[in-house]
Amino acid sequence: MKGIIFGILSLLTGIIILSFTLLAIGIDKIAEVFKTISLPLIFAFLTIHLVSVSLAVFRWKLILSALGHKIPFLQLLQYNIIGFSVGYITPVGKIGGAPARMVLLDRDKVPFEKGLASILIDNIVENTFDVLFGIIILSFFFLKLPVSFVEVPTRWRVLVLLGCAAILSVIIIFYYRMFTGKGVFYSVARLTRLTRIPLFSWSEKKLHDVDKLFSSFIRSRPKEVFAIFAISCLTWIILILQYKVALLSIGQSSGIFELLMIMGVLAVVAVIPVPAGLGVLEFGQAGLFYLLGLDPRVGIVFALLIRMKDFFVMIFGALFLFQIGLGSLVEKQGKKI
């Protein structure tokens, strides 16, 4: 019941933020920008997005193959889109799609531990690149490279850079512990006493097994590890191109710094507990475009283009979900756990 109330409140909050943003900028002014949209470039934008999704699915397929489970690409593509759709409509953001993907792997007789390990490896590698690029963005911003549009007090600049160094240290420690076989997930669960909560009482042994699978993967599969990191790097390059084309479709040119800042806002929105980032996405992009000295109307239209793309993906996810029937799988997985 508390979860339902939280979901309704977060949705209402998003609607209020969206309404405020649209009214503050002016719906008629936003409509003027929409009239300049280039349909061929929109098609190119969607095509590039399909390429980036395919790369992400191929990375997941590579991880599962290394763990001993060869699943057809198109099947994993369906699972990935369903996972995205579940995460998109829930207040927990992209994190919410991971359990759905894990449950769907049960259809292919993937053990719980291996399914969880494959998704953790996939998400952690992806998030590692997100964090590293985030650190680069913050470093550019606070070190005034290559531009400076906001005067930041020295003490705040130092604190943020120290925070970036701390986060980088956590990443290094995580991979060090995994590479040396010491594990992380089981230790964190014990340290936080998560396993003492009845809901997570099952997790102690399973997380220990996940630690072993993760460590074994990193130590014994150097080619696969290199490949998934290379795919993640290539995915980021394609994402930059994707957003570059999206902006060009509404007549906005942009440099690499602006694109990285825009992607940074998208990454933050993805973890804010509002379904579909409603309102937060539009407000964030409009505010960023204003700070960058660009037209905030273009920022809102850009955000709406992203939203329309995500909405169409969610529709496909719902169709796949209806075809597969997730309800029976959840019940089956619940009994298994």
Protein backbone atom coordinates (compact mmCIF):
# COMPACT_ATOMS: atom_id res chain seq x y z
CA MET A 1 0.00 0.00 0.00
CA LYS A 2 2.84 2.38 0.85
CA GLY A 3 4.41 1.64 -2.53
CA ILE A 4 1.17 2.54 -4.33
CA ILE A 5 0.85 5.80 -2.40
CA PHE A 6 4.49 6.66 -3.13
CA GLY A 7 3.96 5.92 -6.82
CA ILE A 8 0.85 8.14 -7.00
CA LEU A 9 2.57 10.99 -5.14
CA SER A 10 5.68 10.81 -7.35
CA LEU A 11 3.47 10.80 -10.46
CA LEU A 12 1.53 13.84 -9.24
CA THR A 13 4.82 15.59 -8.46
CA GLY A 14 5.99 14.92 -12.00
CA ILE A 15 2.75 16.27 -13.48
CA ILE A 16 3.08 19.46 -11.43
CA ILE A 17 6.72 19.96 -12.52
CA LEU A 18 5.82 19.29 -16.16
CA SER A 19 2.87 21.71 -16.07
CA PHE A 20 4.97 24.41 -14.44
CA THR A 21 7.76 24.00 -16.99
CA LEU A 22 5.46 24.07 -20.03
CA LEU A 23 3.49 27.08 -18.77
CA ALA A 24 6.64 28.98 -17.77
CA ILE A 25 8.17 28.60 -21.24
CA GLY A 26 4.89 28.87 -23.14
CA ILE A 27 3.17 26.05 -25.00
CA ASP A 28 2.73 28.19 -28.12
CA LYS A 29 6.46 28.97 -28.18
CA ILE A 30 7.34 25.31 -27.75
CA ALA A 31 4.99 24.47 -30.65
CA GLU A 32 6.96 26.84 -32.88
CA VAL A 33 10.10 24.76 -32.36
CA PHE A 34 8.18 21.58 -33.18
CA LYS A 35 7.32 23.03 -36.59
CA THR A 36 11.03 23.06 -37.51
CA ILE A 37 11.55 19.31 -36.92
CA SER A 38 13.30 17.40 -39.73
CA LEU A 39 11.59 14.03 -40.24
CA PRO A 40 14.58 12.42 -42.03
CA LEU A 41 16.81 13.30 -39.06
CA ILE A 42 14.17 11.94 -36.65
CA PHE A 43 14.29 8.66 -38.57
CA ALA A 44 18.10 8.72 -38.32
CA PHE A 45 17.80 9.40 -34.58
CA LEU A 46 15.54 6.36 -34.08
CA THR A 47 17.79 4.18 -36.24
CA ILE A 48 20.87 5.10 -34.20
CA HIS A 49 18.92 4.35 -31.02
CA LEU A 50 18.13 0.87 -32.36
CA VAL A 51 21.84 0.35 -32.95
CA SER A 52 22.67 1.37 -29.37
CA VAL A 53 20.01 -0.97 -27.96
CA SER A 54 21.32 -3.81 -30.14
CA LEU A 55 24.84 -3.25 -28.81
CA ALA A 56 23.55 -3.39 -25.22
CA VAL A 57 21.72 -6.64 -25.95
CA PHE A 58 24.80 -8.10 -27.63
CA ARG A 59 26.84 -7.23 -24.52
CA TRP A 60 24.32 -9.06 -22.32
CA LYS A 61 24.32 -12.03 -24.70
CA LEU A 62 28.10 -12.17 -24.52
CA ILE A 63 27.98 -12.24 -20.69
CA LEU A 64 25.35 -14.98 -20.63
CA SER A 65 27.32 -17.05 -23.16
CA ALA A 66 30.41 -16.77 -20.97
CA LEU A 67 28.29 -18.02 -18.04
CA GLY A 68 27.25 -21.04 -20.10
CA HIS A 69 23.85 -19.98 -21.49
CA LYS A 70 23.40 -19.29 -25.18
CA ILE A 71 20.13 -17.45 -25.72
CA PRO A 72 18.99 -16.12 -29.15
CA PHE A 73 19.65 -12.43 -29.73
CA LEU A 74 16.04 -11.56 -30.59
CA GLN A 75 14.81 -13.22 -27.42
CA LEU A 76 17.21 -11.19 -25.29
CA LEU A 77 16.15 -8.09 -27.22
CA GLN A 78 12.58 -8.75 -26.09
CA TYR A 79 13.70 -9.23 -22.48
CA ASN A 80 15.73 -6.02 -22.62
CA ILE A 81 12.82 -3.97 -23.99
CA ILE A 82 10.45 -5.44 -21.39
CA GLY A 83 12.95 -4.59 -18.65
CA PHE A 84 13.20 -1.02 -19.94
CA SER A 85 9.40 -0.70 -20.04
CA VAL A 86 8.98 -1.94 -16.46
CA GLY A 87 11.66 0.45 -15.22
CA TYR A 88 10.19 3.32 -17.25
CA ILE A 89 6.74 3.23 -15.67
CA THR A 90 7.88 2.60 -12.09
CA PRO A 91 9.21 5.23 -9.65
CA VAL A 92 12.50 3.37 -9.21
CA GLY A 93 13.70 4.28 -12.71
CA LYS A 94 15.97 2.06 -14.78
CA ILE A 95 16.77 -0.08 -11.73
CA GLY A 96 13.24 -1.47 -11.84
CA GLY A 97 13.90 -3.29 -15.11
CA ALA A 98 16.58 -5.58 -13.66
CA PRO A 99 14.20 -7.88 -11.69
CA ALA A 100 11.97 -8.25 -14.76
CA ARG A 101 14.92 -9.30 -16.93
CA MET A 102 16.07 -11.75 -14.25
CA VAL A 103 12.64 -13.36 -14.02
CA LEU A 104 12.37 -13.62 -17.80
CA LEU A 105 15.64 -15.57 -17.95
CA ASP A 106 13.85 -18.35 -16.05
CA ARG A 107 12.10 -19.21 -19.34
CA ASP A 108 15.49 -20.31 -20.65
CA LYS A 109 16.31 -22.34 -17.53
CA VAL A 110 18.98 -19.89 -16.40
CA PRO A 111 19.66 -20.45 -12.66
CA PHE A 112 18.74 -17.54 -10.41
CA GLU A 113 22.36 -16.89 -9.41
CA LYS A 114 23.61 -16.79 -13.00
CA GLY A 115 20.72 -14.61 -14.16
CA LEU A 116 21.38 -12.16 -11.35
CA ALA A 117 25.13 -12.24 -12.02
CA SER A 118 24.64 -11.55 -15.75
CA ILE A 119 22.46 -8.52 -15.05
CA LEU A 120 24.76 -7.20 -12.34
CA ILE A 121 27.81 -7.53 -14.60
CA ASP A 122 25.91 -5.84 -17.44
CA ASN A 123 24.56 -2.99 -15.28
CA ILE A 124 27.78 -2.43 -13.34
CA VAL A 125 29.90 -2.20 -16.47
CA GLU A 126 27.37 0.19 -18.01
CA ASN A 127 27.17 2.27 -14.83
CA THR A 128 30.96 2.30 -14.55
CA PHE A 129 31.13 4.12 -17.88
CA ASP A 130 28.25 6.40 -16.83
CA VAL A 131 30.10 7.36 -13.65
CA LEU A 132 33.43 7.82 -15.42
CA PHE A 133 31.87 10.09 -18.03
CA GLY A 134 30.02 11.88 -15.22
CA ILE A 135 33.34 12.54 -13.50
CA ILE A 136 34.75 13.87 -16.77
CA ILE A 137 31.74 16.18 -17.16
CA LEU A 138 32.04 17.51 -13.61
CA SER A 139 35.78 17.97 -14.05
CA PHE A 140 35.21 20.01 -17.22
CA PHE A 141 32.59 22.08 -15.44
CA PHE A 142 34.43 22.81 -12.21
CA LEU A 143 37.86 23.20 -13.76
CA LYS A 144 36.37 25.58 -16.34
CA LEU A 145 37.27 23.40 -19.30
CA PRO A 146 36.48 24.02 -22.06
CA VAL A 147 33.98 26.75 -21.13
CA SER A 148 32.74 28.49 -18.02
CA PHE A 149 29.21 29.84 -17.86
CA VAL A 150 28.66 29.79 -14.08
CA GLU A 151 31.06 31.14 -11.46
CA VAL A 152 31.57 28.40 -8.87
CA PRO A 153 33.11 29.14 -5.43
CA THR A 154 36.53 27.53 -4.99
CA ARG A 155 35.48 25.52 -1.93
CA TRP A 156 32.59 23.94 -3.83
CA ARG A 157 34.85 23.18 -6.76
CA VAL A 158 37.31 21.42 -4.45
CA LEU A 159 34.55 19.48 -2.67
CA VAL A 160 33.07 18.23 -5.94
CA LEU A 161 36.46 17.18 -7.29
CA LEU A 162 37.20 15.38 -4.00
CA GLY A 163 33.83 13.66 -4.33
CA CYS A 164 34.74 12.55 -7.87
CA ALA A 165 38.04 11.18 -6.54
CA ALA A 166 36.15 9.30 -3.80
CA ILE A 167 33.74 7.76 -6.31
CA LEU A 168 36.64 6.76 -8.56
CA SER A 169 38.29 5.13 -5.53
CA VAL A 170 35.12 3.12 -4.84
CA ILE A 171 35.11 1.86 -8.44
CA ILE A 172 38.77 0.83 -8.19
CA ILE A 173 38.18 -0.94 -4.85
CA PHE A 174 35.13 -2.75 -6.26
CA TYR A 175 36.99 -4.15 -9.26
CA TYR A 176 40.05 -4.95 -7.12
CA ARG A 177 37.98 -6.99 -4.67
CA MET A 178 36.21 -8.78 -7.49
CA PHE A 179 39.46 -9.50 -9.33
CA THR A 180 41.10 -10.89 -6.19
CA GLY A 181 38.06 -13.04 -5.37
CA LYS A 182 37.15 -11.22 -2.14
CA GLY A 183 33.69 -10.30 -3.41
CA VAL A 184 31.50 -7.28 -2.72
CA PHE A 185 27.78 -8.09 -2.76
CA TYR A 186 27.83 -10.62 0.07
CA SER A 187 30.05 -8.36 2.20
CA VAL A 188 27.79 -5.36 1.66
CA ALA A 189 24.71 -7.43 2.52
CA ARG A 190 26.32 -8.62 5.76
CA LEU A 191 27.64 -5.15 6.62
CA THR A 192 24.21 -3.55 6.15
CA ARG A 193 22.51 -6.56 7.81
CA LEU A 194 20.25 -6.79 4.79
CA THR A 195 20.09 -10.57 5.12
CA ARG A 196 18.43 -10.25 8.55
CA ILE A 197 15.36 -8.71 6.95
CA PRO A 198 12.85 -11.53 6.23
CA LEU A 199 12.27 -10.26 2.69
CA PHE A 200 15.98 -10.75 1.89
CA SER A 201 16.67 -13.79 4.08
CA TRP A 202 17.12 -15.88 0.95
CA SER A 203 19.90 -13.64 -0.40
CA GLU A 204 22.87 -14.65 1.79
CA LYS A 205 23.96 -17.79 -0.06
CA LYS A 206 22.79 -16.53 -3.44
CA LEU A 207 24.80 -13.30 -3.15
CA HIS A 208 27.83 -15.34 -2.11
CA ASP A 209 27.38 -17.41 -5.28
CA VAL A 210 26.95 -14.22 -7.35
CA ASP A 211 30.23 -12.89 -5.93
CA LYS A 212 32.00 -16.07 -7.02
CA LEU A 213 30.46 -15.95 -10.50
CA PHE A 214 31.35 -12.26 -10.92
CA SER A 215 34.93 -12.78 -9.72
CA SER A 216 35.37 -15.88 -11.87
CA PHE A 217 34.09 -14.00 -14.90
CA ILE A 218 36.55 -11.13 -14.45
CA ARG A 219 39.55 -13.38 -13.76
CA SER A 220 38.97 -16.22 -16.23
CA ARG A 221 37.34 -14.39 -19.15
CA PRO A 222 39.74 -11.56 -20.11
CA LYS A 223 38.62 -11.52 -23.75
CA GLU A 224 34.95 -11.23 -22.80
CA VAL A 225 35.73 -8.56 -20.18
CA PHE A 226 37.64 -6.53 -22.77
CA ALA A 227 34.80 -7.03 -25.28
CA ILE A 228 32.04 -5.83 -22.94
CA PHE A 229 34.06 -2.78 -21.93
CA ALA A 230 34.76 -2.04 -25.61
CA ILE A 231 31.04 -2.40 -26.41
CA SER A 232 30.17 -0.04 -23.55
CA CYS A 233 32.66 2.52 -24.83
CA LEU A 234 31.27 2.20 -28.37
CA THR A 235 27.73 2.54 -26.99
CA TRP A 236 28.65 5.86 -25.40
CA ILE A 237 30.05 7.14 -28.69
CA ILE A 238 26.84 6.11 -30.45
CA LEU A 239 24.75 7.78 -27.73
CA ILE A 240 26.63 11.03 -28.31
CA LEU A 241 25.92 10.72 -32.05
CA GLN A 242 22.29 9.88 -31.32
CA TYR A 243 21.69 13.02 -29.26
CA LYS A 244 23.68 15.10 -31.73
CA VAL A 245 21.30 14.02 -34.51
CA ALA A 246 18.26 14.59 -32.27
CA LEU A 247 19.36 18.18 -31.66
CA LEU A 248 20.09 18.75 -35.34
CA SER A 249 16.56 17.54 -36.14
CA ILE A 250 15.23 20.61 -34.30
CA GLY A 251 17.83 22.97 -35.72
CA GLN A 252 20.21 23.06 -32.75
CA SER A 253 23.94 22.60 -33.30
CA SER A 254 25.99 21.46 -30.31
CA GLY A 255 29.56 20.71 -29.31
CA ILE A 256 30.92 17.77 -27.37
CA PHE A 257 30.77 19.62 -24.05
CA GLU A 258 27.11 20.53 -24.46
CA LEU A 259 26.29 16.96 -25.47
CA LEU A 260 28.06 15.55 -22.41
CA MET A 261 26.17 17.94 -20.15
CA ILE A 262 22.87 16.95 -21.76
CA MET A 263 23.71 13.26 -21.29
CA GLY A 264 24.63 13.97 -17.69
CA VAL A 265 21.15 15.39 -17.05
CA LEU A 266 19.58 12.34 -18.74
CA ALA A 267 21.61 10.05 -16.47
CA VAL A 268 20.46 11.92 -13.35
CA VAL A 269 16.82 11.83 -14.49
CA ALA A 270 17.06 8.05 -14.97
CA VAL A 271 17.55 7.49 -11.21
CA ILE A 272 15.08 10.09 -9.88
CA PRO A 273 12.06 8.29 -8.33
CA VAL A 274 9.42 9.68 -10.69
CA PRO A 275 7.71 7.42 -13.27
CA ALA A 276 9.22 8.06 -16.71
CA GLY A 277 11.06 11.03 -15.22
CA LEU A 278 7.85 12.95 -15.90
CA GLY A 279 8.41 16.68 -15.66
CA VAL A 280 11.92 16.21 -14.29
CA LEU A 281 13.29 15.47 -17.78
CA GLU A 282 11.68 18.56 -19.32
CA PHE A 283 12.59 20.84 -16.42
CA GLY A 284 16.18 19.53 -16.33
CA GLN A 285 16.81 19.99 -20.04
CA ALA A 286 15.15 23.43 -20.15
CA GLY A 287 17.23 24.56 -17.18
CA LEU A 288 20.44 23.16 -18.64
CA PHE A 289 19.84 24.81 -22.02
CA TYR A 290 19.26 28.11 -20.24
CA LEU A 291 22.54 27.75 -18.31
CA LEU A 292 24.35 26.88 -21.53
CA GLY A 293 23.02 30.07 -23.11
CA LEU A 294 20.77 28.12 -25.49
CA ASP A 295 17.05 28.38 -26.11
CA PRO A 296 15.17 26.57 -23.28
CA ARG A 297 12.33 25.87 -25.73
CA VAL A 298 14.71 23.67 -27.69
CA GLY A 299 15.63 21.91 -24.46
CA ILE A 300 11.99 21.05 -23.81
CA VAL A 301 11.40 19.85 -27.38
CA PHE A 302 14.56 17.74 -27.15
CA ALA A 303 13.23 16.22 -23.91
CA LEU A 304 9.87 15.52 -25.57
CA LEU A 305 11.64 13.79 -28.48
CA ILE A 306 13.42 11.56 -25.97
CA ARG A 307 10.10 10.91 -24.24
CA MET A 308 8.33 9.98 -27.50
CA LYS A 309 11.15 7.58 -28.38
CA ASP A 310 10.94 5.98 -24.94
CA PHE A 311 7.15 5.79 -25.19
CA PHE A 312 7.28 3.84 -28.45
CA VAL A 313 9.84 1.46 -26.94
CA MET A 314 7.55 1.02 -23.94
CA ILE A 315 4.66 0.12 -26.27
CA PHE A 316 6.74 -2.65 -27.81
CA GLY A 317 7.73 -3.77 -24.30
CA ALA A 318 4.08 -3.98 -23.29
CA LEU A 319 3.27 -6.05 -26.39
CA PHE A 320 6.15 -8.44 -25.69
CA LEU A 321 5.09 -8.63 -22.06
CA PHE A 322 1.53 -9.47 -23.04
CA GLN A 323 2.82 -12.16 -25.40
CA ILE A 324 5.06 -13.77 -22.79
CA GLY A 325 2.82 -13.34 -19.75
CA LEU A 326 5.00 -12.04 -16.94
CA GLY A 327 2.46 -12.78 -14.21
CA SER A 328 2.96 -16.53 -14.37
CA LEU A 329 6.73 -16.09 -14.46
CA VAL A 330 6.72 -13.90 -11.35
CA GLU A 331 4.66 -16.49 -9.52
CA LYS A 332 7.02 -19.25 -10.64
CA GLN A 333 10.11 -17.30 -9.66
CA GLY A 334 8.60 -16.42 -6.30
CA LYS A 335 8.07 -20.12 -5.54
CA LYS A 336 11.60 -20.89 -6.66
CA ILE A 337 13.12 -18.32 -4.33
